[in-house]
Amino acid sequence: MSPKKYSNIIRFQNALSLIKKSDQKRSLLAIVFECGYYNHSHLANEIKRNTGLPSSLL
């Protein structure tokens, strides 16, 4: 596995973890930028690519 692919997996897992334990005060956009994604769409595409589920189900 390449270092870039490994880094993307870790970043994705971190984003999912933050989404799962976030409260209503923390916006999804704040999580997106904190994890290094360019925008909400970038994270939504990663969710779909890695899980096969649309991001609206999370």
N, C-alpha and C. Protein backbone atom coordinates (compact mmCIF):
# COMPACT_ATOMS: atom_id res chain seq x y z
N MET A 1 0.85 -1.17 0.00
CA MET A 1 0.00 0.00 0.00
C MET A 1 0.90 1.24 0.00
N SER A 2 0.55 2.19 -0.82
CA SER A 2 1.36 3.40 -0.91
C SER A 2 1.11 4.30 0.31
N PRO A 3 2.07 5.14 0.64
CA PRO A 3 1.89 6.06 1.77
C PRO A 3 0.68 6.99 1.58
N LYS A 4 0.44 7.43 0.35
CA LYS A 4 -0.69 8.32 0.09
C LYS A 4 -2.02 7.61 0.34
N LYS A 5 -2.13 6.38 -0.11
CA LYS A 5 -3.37 5.61 0.09
C LYS A 5 -3.59 5.37 1.59
N TYR A 6 -2.53 5.04 2.30
CA TYR A 6 -2.62 4.83 3.74
C TYR A 6 -3.07 6.12 4.44
N SER A 7 -2.49 7.23 4.04
CA SER A 7 -2.84 8.52 4.62
C SER A 7 -4.31 8.85 4.37
N ASN A 8 -4.81 8.56 3.18
CA ASN A 8 -6.22 8.80 2.86
C ASN A 8 -7.14 7.95 3.70
N ILE A 9 -6.75 6.72 3.96
CA ILE A 9 -7.57 5.83 4.81
C ILE A 9 -7.63 6.36 6.23
N ILE A 10 -6.50 6.78 6.77
CA ILE A 10 -6.46 7.32 8.13
C ILE A 10 -7.29 8.59 8.22
N ARG A 11 -7.18 9.47 7.22
CA ARG A 11 -7.94 10.71 7.21
C ARG A 11 -9.44 10.42 7.15
N PHE A 12 -9.82 9.45 6.33
CA PHE A 12 -11.23 9.07 6.20
C PHE A 12 -11.76 8.50 7.51
N GLN A 13 -11.00 7.63 8.15
CA GLN A 13 -11.43 7.05 9.43
C GLN A 13 -11.57 8.13 10.50
N ASN A 14 -10.66 9.09 10.49
CA ASN A 14 -10.74 10.19 11.44
C ASN A 14 -12.00 11.01 11.20
N ALA A 15 -12.30 11.31 9.95
CA ALA A 15 -13.51 12.08 9.63
C ALA A 15 -14.77 11.35 10.08
N LEU A 16 -14.83 10.04 9.81
CA LEU A 16 -16.01 9.27 10.23
C LEU A 16 -16.15 9.26 11.75
N SER A 17 -15.04 9.12 12.43
CA SER A 17 -15.06 9.12 13.89
C SER A 17 -15.58 10.45 14.42
N LEU A 18 -15.12 11.55 13.86
CA LEU A 18 -15.59 12.86 14.29
C LEU A 18 -17.06 13.08 13.98
N ILE A 19 -17.51 12.58 12.83
CA ILE A 19 -18.92 12.71 12.47
C ILE A 19 -19.79 11.93 13.44
N LYS A 20 -19.36 10.73 13.79
CA LYS A 20 -20.16 9.88 14.68
C LYS A 20 -20.29 10.46 16.08
N LYS A 21 -19.23 11.09 16.58
CA LYS A 21 -19.30 11.59 17.95
C LYS A 21 -19.49 13.10 18.04
N SER A 22 -19.80 13.75 16.92
CA SER A 22 -20.00 15.20 16.97
C SER A 22 -21.37 15.53 17.55
N ASP A 23 -21.42 16.64 18.22
CA ASP A 23 -22.70 17.13 18.73
C ASP A 23 -23.27 18.15 17.73
N GLN A 24 -24.40 18.68 18.04
CA GLN A 24 -25.07 19.59 17.11
C GLN A 24 -24.33 20.92 16.97
N LYS A 25 -23.47 21.26 17.92
CA LYS A 25 -22.74 22.53 17.87
C LYS A 25 -21.64 22.52 16.81
N ARG A 26 -21.18 21.36 16.45
CA ARG A 26 -20.07 21.25 15.49
C ARG A 26 -20.64 20.96 14.11
N SER A 27 -20.33 21.81 13.17
CA SER A 27 -20.88 21.64 11.83
C SER A 27 -20.07 20.62 11.04
N LEU A 28 -20.73 20.05 10.07
CA LEU A 28 -20.06 19.10 9.19
C LEU A 28 -18.96 19.79 8.41
N LEU A 29 -19.18 21.02 8.04
CA LEU A 29 -18.17 21.77 7.29
C LEU A 29 -16.90 21.96 8.13
N ALA A 30 -17.05 22.18 9.42
CA ALA A 30 -15.88 22.31 10.30
C ALA A 30 -15.10 21.01 10.33
N ILE A 31 -15.79 19.88 10.38
CA ILE A 31 -15.14 18.58 10.38
C ILE A 31 -14.43 18.35 9.05
N VAL A 32 -15.08 18.73 7.96
CA VAL A 32 -14.49 18.58 6.63
C VAL A 32 -13.14 19.28 6.56
N PHE A 33 -13.10 20.53 6.97
CA PHE A 33 -11.86 21.30 6.89
C PHE A 33 -10.82 20.81 7.90
N GLU A 34 -11.28 20.40 9.08
CA GLU A 34 -10.36 19.89 10.10
C GLU A 34 -9.63 18.63 9.62
N CYS A 35 -10.30 17.82 8.84
CA CYS A 35 -9.71 16.57 8.37
C CYS A 35 -8.95 16.73 7.05
N GLY A 36 -8.95 17.92 6.50
CA GLY A 36 -8.14 18.17 5.32
C GLY A 36 -8.83 17.96 3.98
N TYR A 37 -10.15 17.90 3.99
CA TYR A 37 -10.88 17.80 2.73
C TYR A 37 -11.11 19.20 2.19
N TYR A 38 -11.28 19.33 0.88
CA TYR A 38 -11.44 20.63 0.24
C TYR A 38 -12.82 21.23 0.50
N ASN A 39 -13.84 20.39 0.49
CA ASN A 39 -15.20 20.84 0.72
C ASN A 39 -16.07 19.64 1.06
N HIS A 40 -17.35 19.89 1.31
CA HIS A 40 -18.28 18.84 1.69
C HIS A 40 -18.39 17.78 0.60
N SER A 41 -18.39 18.21 -0.65
CA SER A 41 -18.51 17.29 -1.78
C SER A 41 -17.33 16.32 -1.83
N HIS A 42 -16.15 16.79 -1.51
CA HIS A 42 -14.96 15.95 -1.51
C HIS A 42 -15.13 14.81 -0.48
N LEU A 43 -15.59 15.15 0.72
CA LEU A 43 -15.82 14.12 1.73
C LEU A 43 -16.96 13.20 1.32
N ALA A 44 -18.03 13.74 0.75
CA ALA A 44 -19.16 12.90 0.32
C ALA A 44 -18.71 11.89 -0.72
N ASN A 45 -17.86 12.31 -1.64
CA ASN A 45 -17.34 11.38 -2.65
C ASN A 45 -16.47 10.29 -2.02
N GLU A 46 -15.68 10.65 -1.02
CA GLU A 46 -14.86 9.67 -0.32
C GLU A 46 -15.72 8.66 0.43
N ILE A 47 -16.79 9.14 1.04
CA ILE A 47 -17.69 8.24 1.76
C ILE A 47 -18.30 7.23 0.79
N LYS A 48 -18.78 7.73 -0.33
CA LYS A 48 -19.39 6.83 -1.31
C LYS A 48 -18.37 5.85 -1.88
N ARG A 49 -17.16 6.32 -2.15
CA ARG A 49 -16.11 5.46 -2.72
C ARG A 49 -15.67 4.39 -1.73
N ASN A 50 -15.55 4.75 -0.45
CA ASN A 50 -15.04 3.81 0.54
C ASN A 50 -16.10 2.89 1.14
N THR A 51 -17.35 3.35 1.20
CA THR A 51 -18.38 2.53 1.83
C THR A 51 -19.45 2.05 0.87
N GLY A 52 -19.62 2.76 -0.24
CA GLY A 52 -20.68 2.42 -1.17
C GLY A 52 -22.01 3.01 -0.77
N LEU A 53 -22.04 3.74 0.34
CA LEU A 53 -23.28 4.35 0.83
C LEU A 53 -23.27 5.83 0.54
N PRO A 54 -24.44 6.40 0.28
CA PRO A 54 -24.50 7.85 0.14
C PRO A 54 -24.25 8.52 1.49
N SER A 55 -23.63 9.68 1.47
CA SER A 55 -23.26 10.34 2.73
C SER A 55 -24.48 10.74 3.55
N SER A 56 -25.65 10.82 2.96
CA SER A 56 -26.85 11.19 3.70
C SER A 56 -27.26 10.12 4.71
N LEU A 57 -26.75 8.89 4.56
CA LEU A 57 -27.11 7.83 5.49
C LEU A 57 -26.26 7.84 6.76
N LEU A 58 -25.22 8.62 6.79
CA LEU A 58 -24.36 8.66 7.98
C LEU A 58 -24.89 9.55 9.04
